[in-house]
Amino acid sequence: MSLFQTNFSANDDFSSLFRLLDDYDHHRTVRRQPTPRTFNPRFDIRESDDSYHLDGELPGTAQNDIEIEFSDPQTLVVKGRTERSYNTEPQNQTEENNSSGAVAKTTESKENSKSDSKSTYWASERIVGKFSRSFSFGQPVNQDAVKASLKNGILSISVPKAAAPAPKKIAVE
């Protein structure tokens, strides 16, 4: 009795495996629509006696591309998008001084500057796409006094805590 079969037919157990590999190869070569890229920006969160402070890294994000809202009384949502942009102005025989004092000449034709959409990326490390982060606070916050600013790619948000309710005495009649 032989442990290994030497003859394979279309009805063997391996035929389904070969069909699966053929399907994989077909799907791999079919051009798919690009999926939107998403990322989670990094935030530092600190608490003081009277407020919460959030500082998030959003390099290259324009102020009008950021939305800040409350989804419920104690949950702040920061969302938006950032895009990649490139300088496509042609440089025609410009001269620049380098650190050694020598003059370096650079040339770029107009054809090369317009072909940025046809460029091949060797590396794509910058973060681009849509983002969304939500932050839940452990106690009530004053939504009306929240302040946010964007400077040098850092989004700073100050969320004041709500004043503690003062005890109120009720007179019995």
N, C-alpha and C. Protein backbone atom coordinates (compact mmCIF):
# COMPACT_ATOMS: atom_id res chain seq x y z
N MET A 1 0.84 -1.17 0.00
CA MET A 1 0.00 0.00 0.00
C MET A 1 0.89 1.23 0.00
N SER A 2 0.56 2.19 -0.86
CA SER A 2 1.37 3.39 -1.00
C SER A 2 0.78 4.52 -0.14
N LEU A 3 1.67 5.25 0.50
CA LEU A 3 1.21 6.38 1.32
C LEU A 3 0.92 7.61 0.49
N PHE A 4 1.51 7.76 -0.66
CA PHE A 4 1.34 8.93 -1.51
C PHE A 4 0.75 8.52 -2.84
N GLN A 5 -0.21 9.30 -3.30
CA GLN A 5 -0.77 9.04 -4.62
C GLN A 5 0.15 9.66 -5.66
N THR A 6 0.37 8.98 -6.72
CA THR A 6 1.22 9.53 -7.77
C THR A 6 0.41 10.10 -8.91
N ASN A 7 -0.84 9.74 -9.04
CA ASN A 7 -1.69 10.24 -10.11
C ASN A 7 -2.74 11.17 -9.51
N PHE A 8 -2.86 12.37 -10.07
CA PHE A 8 -3.88 13.30 -9.63
C PHE A 8 -4.89 13.49 -10.74
N SER A 9 -6.13 13.52 -10.39
CA SER A 9 -7.17 13.78 -11.39
C SER A 9 -7.94 15.03 -10.98
N ALA A 10 -8.83 15.48 -11.83
CA ALA A 10 -9.59 16.69 -11.55
C ALA A 10 -10.54 16.49 -10.36
N ASN A 11 -10.82 15.26 -10.02
CA ASN A 11 -11.76 14.99 -8.93
C ASN A 11 -11.07 14.80 -7.59
N ASP A 12 -9.76 14.96 -7.52
CA ASP A 12 -9.03 14.77 -6.26
C ASP A 12 -9.28 15.94 -5.32
N ASP A 13 -8.83 15.79 -4.09
CA ASP A 13 -8.98 16.82 -3.08
C ASP A 13 -8.22 18.09 -3.43
N PHE A 14 -7.18 18.00 -4.23
CA PHE A 14 -6.36 19.16 -4.55
C PHE A 14 -7.00 20.07 -5.60
N SER A 15 -8.00 19.62 -6.31
CA SER A 15 -8.60 20.46 -7.35
C SER A 15 -9.22 21.72 -6.75
N SER A 16 -9.83 21.61 -5.58
CA SER A 16 -10.41 22.80 -4.96
C SER A 16 -9.30 23.77 -4.53
N LEU A 17 -8.17 23.24 -4.11
CA LEU A 17 -7.05 24.09 -3.75
C LEU A 17 -6.53 24.86 -4.96
N PHE A 18 -6.41 24.17 -6.10
CA PHE A 18 -5.93 24.83 -7.30
C PHE A 18 -6.92 25.89 -7.78
N ARG A 19 -8.23 25.62 -7.66
CA ARG A 19 -9.22 26.63 -8.02
C ARG A 19 -9.09 27.84 -7.11
N LEU A 20 -8.85 27.60 -5.83
CA LEU A 20 -8.69 28.70 -4.88
C LEU A 20 -7.47 29.55 -5.24
N LEU A 21 -6.36 28.92 -5.61
CA LEU A 21 -5.17 29.66 -6.02
C LEU A 21 -5.42 30.44 -7.31
N ASP A 22 -6.16 29.88 -8.25
CA ASP A 22 -6.49 30.59 -9.48
C ASP A 22 -7.35 31.81 -9.18
N ASP A 23 -8.34 31.65 -8.28
CA ASP A 23 -9.18 32.79 -7.90
C ASP A 23 -8.35 33.87 -7.22
N TYR A 24 -7.42 33.48 -6.36
CA TYR A 24 -6.56 34.45 -5.68
C TYR A 24 -5.73 35.24 -6.69
N ASP A 25 -5.16 34.54 -7.67
CA ASP A 25 -4.34 35.21 -8.68
C ASP A 25 -5.19 36.16 -9.50
N HIS A 26 -6.42 35.76 -9.82
CA HIS A 26 -7.31 36.64 -10.60
C HIS A 26 -7.64 37.90 -9.80
N HIS A 27 -8.01 37.76 -8.53
CA HIS A 27 -8.37 38.92 -7.70
C HIS A 27 -7.17 39.82 -7.44
N ARG A 28 -6.00 39.23 -7.37
CA ARG A 28 -4.79 40.03 -7.12
C ARG A 28 -4.48 40.92 -8.31
N THR A 29 -4.79 40.48 -9.53
CA THR A 29 -4.46 41.26 -10.71
C THR A 29 -5.56 42.23 -11.10
N VAL A 30 -6.77 42.08 -10.56
CA VAL A 30 -7.86 43.00 -10.86
C VAL A 30 -7.60 44.30 -10.12
N ARG A 31 -7.70 45.42 -10.82
CA ARG A 31 -7.45 46.74 -10.21
C ARG A 31 -8.66 47.11 -9.36
N ARG A 32 -8.41 47.38 -8.11
CA ARG A 32 -9.48 47.73 -7.19
C ARG A 32 -9.47 49.22 -6.93
N GLN A 33 -10.63 49.72 -6.51
CA GLN A 33 -10.73 51.12 -6.13
C GLN A 33 -9.93 51.34 -4.85
N PRO A 34 -9.17 52.42 -4.77
CA PRO A 34 -8.41 52.66 -3.55
C PRO A 34 -9.35 52.94 -2.38
N THR A 35 -9.05 52.35 -1.24
CA THR A 35 -9.86 52.58 -0.05
C THR A 35 -9.37 53.85 0.63
N PRO A 36 -10.28 54.62 1.18
CA PRO A 36 -9.84 55.84 1.85
C PRO A 36 -8.95 55.51 3.04
N ARG A 37 -7.87 56.26 3.17
CA ARG A 37 -6.94 56.02 4.26
C ARG A 37 -7.42 56.76 5.50
N THR A 38 -7.27 56.11 6.64
CA THR A 38 -7.63 56.73 7.91
C THR A 38 -6.46 56.57 8.86
N PHE A 39 -6.43 57.45 9.86
CA PHE A 39 -5.40 57.34 10.88
C PHE A 39 -5.92 57.95 12.17
N ASN A 40 -5.26 57.64 13.25
CA ASN A 40 -5.58 58.19 14.57
C ASN A 40 -4.46 59.11 15.00
N PRO A 41 -4.73 60.43 15.02
CA PRO A 41 -3.67 61.33 15.47
C PRO A 41 -3.37 61.10 16.95
N ARG A 42 -2.14 61.37 17.33
CA ARG A 42 -1.72 61.18 18.72
C ARG A 42 -2.02 62.44 19.52
N PHE A 43 -2.52 62.23 20.73
CA PHE A 43 -2.88 63.33 21.62
C PHE A 43 -2.24 63.13 22.98
N ASP A 44 -1.84 64.24 23.58
CA ASP A 44 -1.46 64.27 24.99
C ASP A 44 -2.67 64.83 25.73
N ILE A 45 -3.07 64.17 26.80
CA ILE A 45 -4.23 64.60 27.57
C ILE A 45 -3.80 64.80 29.01
N ARG A 46 -4.06 66.01 29.53
CA ARG A 46 -3.71 66.28 30.92
C ARG A 46 -4.89 66.96 31.59
N GLU A 47 -4.89 66.85 32.90
CA GLU A 47 -5.99 67.41 33.69
C GLU A 47 -5.42 68.37 34.73
N SER A 48 -6.04 69.52 34.84
CA SER A 48 -5.69 70.46 35.90
C SER A 48 -6.90 70.54 36.85
N ASP A 49 -6.81 71.40 37.84
CA ASP A 49 -7.90 71.50 38.80
C ASP A 49 -9.21 71.93 38.17
N ASP A 50 -9.14 72.79 37.15
CA ASP A 50 -10.37 73.34 36.59
C ASP A 50 -10.66 72.96 35.14
N SER A 51 -9.77 72.20 34.46
CA SER A 51 -10.04 71.85 33.06
C SER A 51 -9.19 70.66 32.60
N TYR A 52 -9.56 70.18 31.40
CA TYR A 52 -8.80 69.16 30.69
C TYR A 52 -8.10 69.85 29.51
N HIS A 53 -6.89 69.40 29.21
CA HIS A 53 -6.12 69.97 28.10
C HIS A 53 -5.71 68.85 27.16
N LEU A 54 -6.02 69.02 25.88
CA LEU A 54 -5.69 68.03 24.85
C LEU A 54 -4.79 68.70 23.83
N ASP A 55 -3.67 68.07 23.52
CA ASP A 55 -2.74 68.57 22.51
C ASP A 55 -2.49 67.44 21.52
N GLY A 56 -2.90 67.64 20.25
CA GLY A 56 -2.80 66.59 19.25
C GLY A 56 -1.94 66.99 18.08
N GLU A 57 -1.24 66.02 17.51
CA GLU A 57 -0.37 66.26 16.35
C GLU A 57 -1.19 66.12 15.07
N LEU A 58 -1.31 67.21 14.33
CA LEU A 58 -2.01 67.21 13.05
C LEU A 58 -1.19 67.98 12.01
N PRO A 59 0.02 67.50 11.69
CA PRO A 59 0.86 68.24 10.74
C PRO A 59 0.22 68.29 9.36
N GLY A 60 0.28 69.46 8.74
CA GLY A 60 -0.23 69.61 7.39
C GLY A 60 -1.74 69.72 7.30
N THR A 61 -2.44 69.78 8.43
CA THR A 61 -3.89 69.87 8.42
C THR A 61 -4.31 71.33 8.51
N ALA A 62 -5.18 71.74 7.60
CA ALA A 62 -5.68 73.11 7.61
C ALA A 62 -6.75 73.27 8.68
N GLN A 63 -6.86 74.46 9.20
CA GLN A 63 -7.82 74.75 10.26
C GLN A 63 -9.25 74.42 9.83
N ASN A 64 -9.61 74.72 8.58
CA ASN A 64 -10.98 74.47 8.12
C ASN A 64 -11.24 72.99 7.83
N ASP A 65 -10.24 72.13 7.94
CA ASP A 65 -10.42 70.69 7.74
C ASP A 65 -10.60 69.94 9.07
N ILE A 66 -10.77 70.67 10.17
CA ILE A 66 -10.92 70.06 11.49
C ILE A 66 -12.30 70.40 12.04
N GLU A 67 -12.99 69.40 12.56
CA GLU A 67 -14.29 69.60 13.22
C GLU A 67 -14.18 69.11 14.65
N ILE A 68 -14.70 69.91 15.58
CA ILE A 68 -14.71 69.54 16.99
C ILE A 68 -16.15 69.69 17.46
N GLU A 69 -16.70 68.62 18.04
CA GLU A 69 -18.09 68.65 18.49
C GLU A 69 -18.28 67.70 19.66
N PHE A 70 -19.37 67.86 20.36
CA PHE A 70 -19.73 66.96 21.44
C PHE A 70 -20.78 65.98 20.93
N SER A 71 -20.54 64.69 21.09
CA SER A 71 -21.52 63.68 20.69
C SER A 71 -22.51 63.41 21.81
N ASP A 72 -22.11 63.68 23.04
CA ASP A 72 -22.99 63.63 24.21
C ASP A 72 -22.40 64.60 25.24
N PRO A 73 -23.05 64.81 26.39
CA PRO A 73 -22.59 65.84 27.32
C PRO A 73 -21.15 65.69 27.82
N GLN A 74 -20.57 64.51 27.76
CA GLN A 74 -19.22 64.31 28.28
C GLN A 74 -18.25 63.71 27.28
N THR A 75 -18.61 63.66 26.00
CA THR A 75 -17.74 63.07 24.98
C THR A 75 -17.45 64.07 23.87
N LEU A 76 -16.18 64.39 23.71
CA LEU A 76 -15.71 65.33 22.69
C LEU A 76 -15.18 64.52 21.50
N VAL A 77 -15.57 64.90 20.29
CA VAL A 77 -15.13 64.22 19.07
C VAL A 77 -14.34 65.21 18.22
N VAL A 78 -13.12 64.81 17.84
CA VAL A 78 -12.27 65.60 16.95
C VAL A 78 -12.12 64.80 15.67
N LYS A 79 -12.54 65.38 14.55
CA LYS A 79 -12.43 64.66 13.27
C LYS A 79 -12.06 65.61 12.17
N GLY A 80 -11.60 65.06 11.07
CA GLY A 80 -11.21 65.88 9.94
C GLY A 80 -10.46 65.07 8.91
N ARG A 81 -9.66 65.78 8.12
CA ARG A 81 -8.88 65.12 7.08
C ARG A 81 -7.63 65.94 6.80
N THR A 82 -6.63 65.27 6.29
CA THR A 82 -5.41 65.93 5.86
C THR A 82 -5.02 65.35 4.51
N GLU A 83 -4.48 66.20 3.65
CA GLU A 83 -4.12 65.79 2.30
C GLU A 83 -2.65 66.05 2.05
N ARG A 84 -2.13 65.38 1.05
CA ARG A 84 -0.74 65.53 0.66
C ARG A 84 -0.68 66.55 -0.48
N SER A 85 0.26 67.46 -0.42
CA SER A 85 0.45 68.42 -1.50
C SER A 85 1.93 68.52 -1.82
N TYR A 86 2.22 68.89 -3.07
CA TYR A 86 3.60 68.97 -3.52
C TYR A 86 3.81 70.28 -4.26
N ASN A 87 5.03 70.75 -4.22
CA ASN A 87 5.41 71.93 -4.98
C ASN A 87 5.75 71.47 -6.38
N THR A 88 4.99 71.95 -7.36
CA THR A 88 5.21 71.51 -8.75
C THR A 88 5.74 72.63 -9.63
N GLU A 89 6.24 73.71 -9.03
CA GLU A 89 6.80 74.79 -9.83
C GLU A 89 8.12 74.34 -10.46
N PRO A 90 8.30 74.61 -11.76
CA PRO A 90 9.56 74.21 -12.39
C PRO A 90 10.72 75.09 -11.91
N GLN A 91 11.86 74.46 -11.78
CA GLN A 91 13.08 75.18 -11.41
C GLN A 91 13.99 75.17 -12.63
N ASN A 92 14.21 76.30 -13.21
CA ASN A 92 15.02 76.39 -14.42
C ASN A 92 16.39 76.94 -14.10
N GLN A 93 17.36 76.08 -14.06
CA GLN A 93 18.76 76.42 -13.85
C GLN A 93 18.94 77.45 -12.73
N THR A 94 18.50 77.07 -11.54
CA THR A 94 18.69 77.96 -10.39
C THR A 94 20.02 77.63 -9.74
N GLU A 95 20.61 78.65 -9.13
CA GLU A 95 21.88 78.45 -8.45
C GLU A 95 21.66 78.69 -6.96
N GLU A 96 22.17 77.78 -6.15
CA GLU A 96 22.04 77.90 -4.71
C GLU A 96 23.40 77.66 -4.08
N ASN A 97 23.68 78.37 -3.00
CA ASN A 97 24.92 78.15 -2.25
C ASN A 97 24.69 77.03 -1.26
N ASN A 98 25.59 76.09 -1.22
CA ASN A 98 25.47 75.03 -0.21
C ASN A 98 26.37 75.37 0.97
N SER A 99 26.44 74.51 1.95
CA SER A 99 27.16 74.82 3.18
C SER A 99 28.66 74.99 2.97
N SER A 100 29.22 74.39 1.93
CA SER A 100 30.65 74.52 1.70
C SER A 100 31.00 75.77 0.90
N GLY A 101 29.99 76.54 0.51
CA GLY A 101 30.26 77.76 -0.24
C GLY A 101 30.25 77.53 -1.74
N ALA A 102 30.20 76.30 -2.21
CA ALA A 102 30.18 76.03 -3.64
C ALA A 102 28.78 76.26 -4.18
N VAL A 103 28.71 76.57 -5.45
CA VAL A 103 27.42 76.81 -6.08
C VAL A 103 26.97 75.53 -6.77
N ALA A 104 25.75 75.12 -6.47
CA ALA A 104 25.20 73.91 -7.08
C ALA A 104 24.11 74.33 -8.06
N LYS A 105 24.13 73.75 -9.26
CA LYS A 105 23.12 74.05 -10.25
C LYS A 105 22.12 72.92 -10.29
N THR A 106 20.83 73.28 -10.32
CA THR A 106 19.78 72.28 -10.44
C THR A 106 18.90 72.66 -11.61
N THR A 107 18.51 71.70 -12.40
CA THR A 107 17.61 71.94 -13.51
C THR A 107 16.47 70.96 -13.45
N GLU A 108 15.30 71.44 -13.84
CA GLU A 108 14.13 70.57 -13.89
C GLU A 108 13.30 71.07 -15.06
N SER A 109 12.96 70.18 -15.96
CA SER A 109 12.18 70.60 -17.12
C SER A 109 10.72 70.75 -16.74
N LYS A 110 9.98 71.50 -17.55
CA LYS A 110 8.55 71.68 -17.29
C LYS A 110 7.81 70.36 -17.41
N GLU A 111 8.29 69.47 -18.26
CA GLU A 111 7.64 68.16 -18.40
C GLU A 111 7.73 67.38 -17.10
N ASN A 112 8.86 67.42 -16.42
CA ASN A 112 9.01 66.69 -15.17
C ASN A 112 8.11 67.24 -14.08
N SER A 113 7.93 68.56 -14.04
CA SER A 113 7.13 69.15 -12.98
C SER A 113 5.65 68.85 -13.17
N LYS A 114 5.21 68.72 -14.42
CA LYS A 114 3.81 68.41 -14.67
C LYS A 114 3.52 66.92 -14.55
N SER A 115 4.51 66.10 -14.50
CA SER A 115 4.30 64.65 -14.47
C SER A 115 4.23 64.11 -13.05
N ASP A 116 3.93 64.98 -12.07
CA ASP A 116 3.87 64.52 -10.69
C ASP A 116 2.79 63.47 -10.51
N SER A 117 1.67 63.57 -11.28
CA SER A 117 0.61 62.58 -11.15
C SER A 117 1.05 61.22 -11.69
N LYS A 118 2.10 61.20 -12.51
CA LYS A 118 2.62 59.95 -13.05
C LYS A 118 3.82 59.44 -12.27
N SER A 119 4.15 60.08 -11.18
CA SER A 119 5.34 59.71 -10.41
C SER A 119 5.16 58.37 -9.74
N THR A 120 6.27 57.70 -9.53
CA THR A 120 6.29 56.45 -8.79
C THR A 120 6.84 56.73 -7.41
N TYR A 121 6.09 56.36 -6.39
CA TYR A 121 6.54 56.59 -5.02
C TYR A 121 7.58 55.55 -4.65
N TRP A 122 8.66 55.98 -4.09
CA TRP A 122 9.67 55.07 -3.54
C TRP A 122 9.40 54.85 -2.07
N ALA A 123 8.82 55.85 -1.45
CA ALA A 123 8.40 55.74 -0.05
C ALA A 123 7.24 56.70 0.14
N SER A 124 6.29 56.31 0.96
CA SER A 124 5.15 57.16 1.28
C SER A 124 4.93 57.05 2.78
N GLU A 125 5.57 57.93 3.55
CA GLU A 125 5.56 57.81 5.00
C GLU A 125 4.72 58.89 5.68
N ARG A 126 4.34 59.93 4.94
CA ARG A 126 3.54 60.98 5.55
C ARG A 126 2.12 60.49 5.79
N ILE A 127 1.55 60.90 6.91
CA ILE A 127 0.21 60.46 7.26
C ILE A 127 -0.80 61.35 6.56
N VAL A 128 -1.71 60.72 5.80
CA VAL A 128 -2.76 61.44 5.11
C VAL A 128 -4.06 60.66 5.25
N GLY A 129 -5.17 61.33 5.05
CA GLY A 129 -6.46 60.68 5.08
C GLY A 129 -7.38 61.31 6.10
N LYS A 130 -8.43 60.58 6.43
CA LYS A 130 -9.40 61.05 7.41
C LYS A 130 -9.01 60.57 8.80
N PHE A 131 -9.41 61.34 9.79
CA PHE A 131 -9.15 60.94 11.17
C PHE A 131 -10.35 61.25 12.04
N SER A 132 -10.45 60.54 13.14
CA SER A 132 -11.50 60.78 14.12
C SER A 132 -11.04 60.23 15.46
N ARG A 133 -11.15 61.05 16.47
CA ARG A 133 -10.82 60.65 17.84
C ARG A 133 -11.93 61.13 18.74
N SER A 134 -12.27 60.34 19.74
CA SER A 134 -13.27 60.77 20.72
C SER A 134 -12.67 60.64 22.11
N PHE A 135 -13.04 61.58 22.97
CA PHE A 135 -12.52 61.65 24.33
C PHE A 135 -13.69 61.78 25.29
N SER A 136 -13.79 60.84 26.22
CA SER A 136 -14.85 60.88 27.24
C SER A 136 -14.25 61.36 28.54
N PHE A 137 -14.92 62.31 29.15
CA PHE A 137 -14.45 62.89 30.41
C PHE A 137 -15.21 62.28 31.57
N GLY A 138 -14.52 62.11 32.68
CA GLY A 138 -15.09 61.43 33.85
C GLY A 138 -16.09 62.26 34.63
N GLN A 139 -16.17 63.54 34.35
CA GLN A 139 -17.12 64.39 35.07
C GLN A 139 -17.69 65.40 34.08
N PRO A 140 -18.78 66.07 34.46
CA PRO A 140 -19.39 67.03 33.53
C PRO A 140 -18.43 68.15 33.14
N VAL A 141 -18.53 68.59 31.88
CA VAL A 141 -17.68 69.66 31.37
C VAL A 141 -18.56 70.82 30.90
N ASN A 142 -17.96 71.99 30.81
CA ASN A 142 -18.65 73.19 30.35
C ASN A 142 -18.47 73.30 28.84
N GLN A 143 -19.43 72.81 28.08
CA GLN A 143 -19.31 72.78 26.62
C GLN A 143 -19.23 74.18 26.01
N ASP A 144 -19.84 75.15 26.63
CA ASP A 144 -19.88 76.50 26.07
C ASP A 144 -18.54 77.23 26.18
N ALA A 145 -17.65 76.78 27.05
CA ALA A 145 -16.38 77.48 27.26
C ALA A 145 -15.17 76.75 26.66
N VAL A 146 -15.40 75.77 25.82
CA VAL A 146 -14.30 75.03 25.19
C VAL A 146 -13.59 75.94 24.19
N LYS A 147 -12.26 75.91 24.21
CA LYS A 147 -11.46 76.71 23.28
C LYS A 147 -10.48 75.80 22.57
N ALA A 148 -10.25 76.08 21.28
CA ALA A 148 -9.32 75.29 20.47
C ALA A 148 -8.48 76.21 19.61
N SER A 149 -7.22 75.82 19.41
CA SER A 149 -6.34 76.57 18.52
C SER A 149 -5.42 75.59 17.79
N LEU A 150 -4.97 76.00 16.61
CA LEU A 150 -4.07 75.19 15.79
C LEU A 150 -2.86 76.04 15.48
N LYS A 151 -1.69 75.59 15.94
CA LYS A 151 -0.45 76.34 15.68
C LYS A 151 0.68 75.36 15.43
N ASN A 152 1.36 75.52 14.32
CA ASN A 152 2.51 74.68 13.94
C ASN A 152 2.17 73.19 13.95
N GLY A 153 0.97 72.85 13.49
CA GLY A 153 0.58 71.45 13.40
C GLY A 153 0.13 70.82 14.71
N ILE A 154 0.00 71.62 15.77
CA ILE A 154 -0.45 71.10 17.07
C ILE A 154 -1.83 71.70 17.36
N LEU A 155 -2.82 70.82 17.52
CA LEU A 155 -4.16 71.25 17.89
C LEU A 155 -4.25 71.23 19.41
N SER A 156 -4.54 72.38 20.00
CA SER A 156 -4.67 72.50 21.46
C SER A 156 -6.12 72.78 21.79
N ILE A 157 -6.68 71.96 22.68
CA ILE A 157 -8.07 72.12 23.09
C ILE A 157 -8.11 72.21 24.61
N SER A 158 -8.83 73.21 25.11
CA SER A 158 -9.02 73.37 26.55
C SER A 158 -10.50 73.15 26.84
N VAL A 159 -10.78 72.16 27.69
CA VAL A 159 -12.16 71.80 28.04
C VAL A 159 -12.35 72.05 29.53
N PRO A 160 -13.02 73.17 29.90
CA PRO A 160 -13.21 73.47 31.32
C PRO A 160 -14.19 72.49 31.97
N LYS A 161 -13.92 72.17 33.21
CA LYS A 161 -14.84 71.33 33.96
C LYS A 161 -16.04 72.16 34.38
N ALA A 162 -17.18 71.50 34.49
CA ALA A 162 -18.39 72.20 34.94
C ALA A 162 -18.27 72.45 36.44
N ALA A 163 -18.82 73.56 36.85
CA ALA A 163 -18.79 73.89 38.28
C ALA A 163 -19.61 72.87 39.05
N ALA A 164 -19.08 72.50 40.20
CA ALA A 164 -19.80 71.54 41.05
C ALA A 164 -21.08 72.19 41.54
N PRO A 165 -22.15 71.42 41.51
CA PRO A 165 -23.40 72.01 41.98
C PRO A 165 -23.31 72.34 43.47
N ALA A 166 -23.74 73.57 43.79
CA ALA A 166 -23.70 74.01 45.19
C ALA A 166 -24.90 73.40 45.92
N PRO A 167 -24.70 73.01 47.17
CA PRO A 167 -25.84 72.47 47.92
C PRO A 167 -26.91 73.55 48.10
N LYS A 168 -28.12 73.13 47.91
CA LYS A 168 -29.22 74.07 48.01
C LYS A 168 -30.20 73.57 49.06
N LYS A 169 -30.49 74.43 49.99
CA LYS A 169 -31.43 74.08 51.05
C LYS A 169 -32.84 74.49 50.63
N ILE A 170 -33.73 73.61 50.94
CA ILE A 170 -35.12 73.87 50.61
C ILE A 170 -35.90 73.97 51.93
N ALA A 171 -36.62 75.03 52.04
CA ALA A 171 -37.40 75.26 53.27
C ALA A 171 -38.67 74.43 53.24
N VAL A 172 -38.99 73.85 54.35
CA VAL A 172 -40.21 73.04 54.47
C VAL A 172 -41.34 73.97 54.92
N GLU A 173 -42.46 73.91 54.24
CA GLU A 173 -43.58 74.78 54.60
C GLU A 173 -44.63 74.03 55.38
